[in-house]
Amino acid sequence: MKLKNVLIVVNDIEKSIAFYKSIFGLEVLLDNDGNVIMTEGLVLQDAKIWKKFLGRDITPKNNSCELYFEENSIEEFSKKLENYSEPIEYVNRLMTHSWGQKVIRFYDPDGNLIEVGTPM
């Protein structure tokens, strides 16, 4: 068995597609009307569909998991975030851990936590 995809819940599919395409260069592989599969195994699920399917509330910014990306040119990536067309809500701006890894943590437009770090 292998992990195939990671699904995150979003309120506006088109806005989220634009965000992940602009910030991370991801592309849409399949659009199933409220369920979008992007490159790198990311799946975007419309919040209304997800809530109906689960029968439970969705809790944005629950900080219980994160999407992790690696970037060699993290200073350039940091500038890309600063210049994004909409404000980015940071958990922490570019910082260096005691073990030498540089990271940035922030939320996507729907409160899904993202970390971008330099390769270890």
C-alpha atoms as a PDB file:
ATOM      1  CA  MET A   1       0.000   0.000   0.000  1.00  0.00           C
ATOM      2  CA  LYS A   2       1.121   3.579  -0.606  1.00  0.00           C
ATOM      3  CA  LEU A   3      -0.176   7.012   0.233  1.00  0.00           C
ATOM      4  CA  LYS A   4      -1.644   8.411  -2.985  1.00  0.00           C
ATOM      5  CA  ASN A   5      -2.951  11.902  -2.164  1.00  0.00           C
ATOM      6  CA  VAL A   6      -3.485  14.448   0.576  1.00  0.00           C
ATOM      7  CA  LEU A   7      -6.877  16.157   0.593  1.00  0.00           C
ATOM      8  CA  ILE A   8      -7.535  19.591   2.053  1.00  0.00           C
ATOM      9  CA  VAL A   9     -10.865  21.357   2.376  1.00  0.00           C
ATOM     10  CA  VAL A  10     -11.316  24.754   0.723  1.00  0.00           C
ATOM     11  CA  ASN A  11     -14.161  27.250   0.463  1.00  0.00           C
ATOM     12  CA  ASP A  12     -13.415  28.544  -3.032  1.00  0.00           C
ATOM     13  CA  ILE A  13     -11.934  25.980  -5.426  1.00  0.00           C
ATOM     14  CA  GLU A  14     -10.927  28.538  -8.079  1.00  0.00           C
ATOM     15  CA  LYS A  15      -9.226  30.806  -5.556  1.00  0.00           C
ATOM     16  CA  SER A  16      -7.345  27.829  -4.109  1.00  0.00           C
ATOM     17  CA  ILE A  17      -6.294  26.582  -7.537  1.00  0.00           C
ATOM     18  CA  ALA A  18      -4.913  30.052  -8.306  1.00  0.00           C
ATOM     19  CA  PHE A  19      -3.084  30.150  -4.951  1.00  0.00           C
ATOM     20  CA  TYR A  20      -1.409  26.753  -5.292  1.00  0.00           C
ATOM     21  CA  LYS A  21      -0.574  27.375  -8.943  1.00  0.00           C
ATOM     22  CA  SER A  22       0.909  30.831  -8.333  1.00  0.00           C
ATOM     23  CA  ILE A  23       2.760  30.077  -5.095  1.00  0.00           C
ATOM     24  CA  PHE A  24       3.885  26.474  -5.707  1.00  0.00           C
ATOM     25  CA  GLY A  25       3.568  25.955  -9.465  1.00  0.00           C
ATOM     26  CA  LEU A  26       1.042  23.123  -9.073  1.00  0.00           C
ATOM     27  CA  GLU A  27      -1.214  22.265 -12.014  1.00  0.00           C
ATOM     28  CA  VAL A  28      -4.701  20.775 -12.185  1.00  0.00           C
ATOM     29  CA  LEU A  29      -4.680  17.145 -13.295  1.00  0.00           C
ATOM     30  CA  LEU A  30      -8.385  16.423 -12.874  1.00  0.00           C
ATOM     31  CA  ASP A  31     -11.391  18.571 -12.003  1.00  0.00           C
ATOM     32  CA  ASN A  32     -14.400  16.590 -10.789  1.00  0.00           C
ATOM     33  CA  ASP A  33     -16.722  19.488  -9.953  1.00  0.00           C
ATOM     34  CA  GLY A  34     -15.749  20.261  -6.369  1.00  0.00           C
ATOM     35  CA  ASN A  35     -12.908  17.754  -6.125  1.00  0.00           C
ATOM     36  CA  VAL A  36      -9.704  18.861  -7.855  1.00  0.00           C
ATOM     37  CA  ILE A  37      -6.558  16.762  -8.103  1.00  0.00           C
ATOM     38  CA  MET A  38      -3.391  18.790  -8.563  1.00  0.00           C
ATOM     39  CA  THR A  39       0.197  17.775  -9.251  1.00  0.00           C
ATOM     40  CA  GLU A  40       2.331  16.590  -6.325  1.00  0.00           C
ATOM     41  CA  GLY A  41      -0.667  14.672  -4.916  1.00  0.00           C
ATOM     42  CA  LEU A  42      -2.650  17.611  -3.536  1.00  0.00           C
ATOM     43  CA  VAL A  43      -6.438  17.302  -3.682  1.00  0.00           C
ATOM     44  CA  LEU A  44      -8.736  20.276  -3.094  1.00  0.00           C
ATOM     45  CA  GLN A  45     -12.236  19.422  -1.848  1.00  0.00           C
ATOM     46  CA  ASP A  46     -15.082  21.940  -1.807  1.00  0.00           C
ATOM     47  CA  ALA A  47     -16.055  22.603   1.832  1.00  0.00           C
ATOM     48  CA  LYS A  48     -19.793  22.294   1.154  1.00  0.00           C
ATOM     49  CA  ILE A  49     -19.332  18.821  -0.342  1.00  0.00           C
ATOM     50  CA  TRP A  50     -16.951  17.743   2.426  1.00  0.00           C
ATOM     51  CA  LYS A  51     -19.271  18.926   5.200  1.00  0.00           C
ATOM     52  CA  LYS A  52     -22.246  17.161   3.614  1.00  0.00           C
ATOM     53  CA  PHE A  53     -20.205  13.976   3.165  1.00  0.00           C
ATOM     54  CA  LEU A  54     -18.901  13.920   6.740  1.00  0.00           C
ATOM     55  CA  GLY A  55     -21.867  15.488   8.481  1.00  0.00           C
ATOM     56  CA  ARG A  56     -19.469  17.455  10.691  1.00  0.00           C
ATOM     57  CA  ASP A  57     -18.184  20.989  11.005  1.00  0.00           C
ATOM     58  CA  ILE A  58     -14.904  22.044   9.418  1.00  0.00           C
ATOM     59  CA  THR A  59     -12.386  23.771  11.689  1.00  0.00           C
ATOM     60  CA  PRO A  60      -9.992  26.076   9.809  1.00  0.00           C
ATOM     61  CA  LYS A  61      -6.640  26.907  11.419  1.00  0.00           C
ATOM     62  CA  ASN A  62      -6.856  23.865  13.671  1.00  0.00           C
ATOM     63  CA  ASN A  63      -3.045  23.563  13.515  1.00  0.00           C
ATOM     64  CA  SER A  64      -3.194  19.770  13.737  1.00  0.00           C
ATOM     65  CA  CYS A  65      -1.387  19.107  10.443  1.00  0.00           C
ATOM     66  CA  GLU A  66       0.505  20.950   7.742  1.00  0.00           C
ATOM     67  CA  LEU A  67       1.497  20.680   4.111  1.00  0.00           C
ATOM     68  CA  TYR A  68       5.284  20.626   3.861  1.00  0.00           C
ATOM     69  CA  PHE A  69       7.210  21.805   0.806  1.00  0.00           C
ATOM     70  CA  GLU A  70      10.965  22.102   0.260  1.00  0.00           C
ATOM     71  CA  GLU A  71      12.602  25.004  -1.544  1.00  0.00           C
ATOM     72  CA  ASN A  72      16.304  25.584  -2.217  1.00  0.00           C
ATOM     73  CA  SER A  73      15.858  29.313  -2.928  1.00  0.00           C
ATOM     74  CA  ILE A  74      13.852  30.113   0.176  1.00  0.00           C
ATOM     75  CA  GLU A  75      14.768  33.813   0.243  1.00  0.00           C
ATOM     76  CA  GLU A  76      13.298  34.186  -3.268  1.00  0.00           C
ATOM     77  CA  PHE A  77      10.258  32.194  -2.188  1.00  0.00           C
ATOM     78  CA  SER A  78       9.820  34.534   0.786  1.00  0.00           C
ATOM     79  CA  LYS A  79       9.780  37.494  -1.622  1.00  0.00           C
ATOM     80  CA  LYS A  80       7.185  35.688  -3.760  1.00  0.00           C
ATOM     81  CA  LEU A  81       4.919  35.433  -0.709  1.00  0.00           C
ATOM     82  CA  GLU A  82       5.444  39.111   0.113  1.00  0.00           C
ATOM     83  CA  ASN A  83       4.398  40.035  -3.444  1.00  0.00           C
ATOM     84  CA  TYR A  84       1.358  37.744  -3.656  1.00  0.00           C
ATOM     85  CA  SER A  85      -1.811  39.540  -4.759  1.00  0.00           C
ATOM     86  CA  GLU A  86      -3.587  38.858  -1.448  1.00  0.00           C
ATOM     87  CA  PRO A  87      -2.258  39.177   2.100  1.00  0.00           C
ATOM     88  CA  ILE A  88      -0.542  36.085   3.503  1.00  0.00           C
ATOM     89  CA  GLU A  89      -1.177  35.235   7.160  1.00  0.00           C
ATOM     90  CA  TYR A  90       2.121  34.065   8.624  1.00  0.00           C
ATOM     91  CA  VAL A  91       2.715  31.777  11.571  1.00  0.00           C
ATOM     92  CA  ASN A  92       6.380  32.691  11.291  1.00  0.00           C
ATOM     93  CA  ARG A  93       8.252  34.560   8.608  1.00  0.00           C
ATOM     94  CA  LEU A  94      11.579  33.287   7.339  1.00  0.00           C
ATOM     95  CA  MET A  95      13.562  31.931  10.293  1.00  0.00           C
ATOM     96  CA  THR A  96      16.423  29.529  10.897  1.00  0.00           C
ATOM     97  CA  HIS A  97      16.046  26.576  13.277  1.00  0.00           C
ATOM     98  CA  SER A  98      18.874  25.652  15.648  1.00  0.00           C
ATOM     99  CA  TRP A  99      19.783  22.757  13.317  1.00  0.00           C
ATOM    100  CA  GLY A 100      20.296  25.173  10.407  1.00  0.00           C
ATOM    101  CA  GLN A 101      17.141  24.644   8.364  1.00  0.00           C
ATOM    102  CA  LYS A 102      15.383  27.793   7.132  1.00  0.00           C
ATOM    103  CA  VAL A 103      11.581  27.706   7.201  1.00  0.00           C
ATOM    104  CA  ILE A 104       8.478  29.815   6.664  1.00  0.00           C
ATOM    105  CA  ARG A 105       5.028  28.866   7.998  1.00  0.00           C
ATOM    106  CA  PHE A 106       1.787  30.422   6.847  1.00  0.00           C
ATOM    107  CA  TYR A 107      -1.860  29.644   6.101  1.00  0.00           C
ATOM    108  CA  ASP A 108      -3.456  29.162   2.718  1.00  0.00           C
ATOM    109  CA  PRO A 109      -6.645  31.185   2.040  1.00  0.00           C
ATOM    110  CA  ASP A 110      -8.711  28.596   3.947  1.00  0.00           C
ATOM    111  CA  GLY A 111      -6.551  28.266   7.045  1.00  0.00           C
ATOM    112  CA  ASN A 112      -4.650  25.142   6.022  1.00  0.00           C
ATOM    113  CA  LEU A 113      -1.175  25.329   7.577  1.00  0.00           C
ATOM    114  CA  ILE A 114       1.798  25.255   5.189  1.00  0.00           C
ATOM    115  CA  GLU A 115       5.511  25.001   5.935  1.00  0.00           C
ATOM    116  CA  VAL A 116       8.218  25.638   3.365  1.00  0.00           C
ATOM    117  CA  GLY A 117      11.730  24.701   4.348  1.00  0.00           C
ATOM    118  CA  THR A 118      15.148  24.257   2.863  1.00  0.00           C
ATOM    119  CA  PRO A 119      16.120  20.630   2.184  1.00  0.00           C
ATOM    120  CA  MET A 120      17.857  18.871   5.067  1.00  0.00           C
END
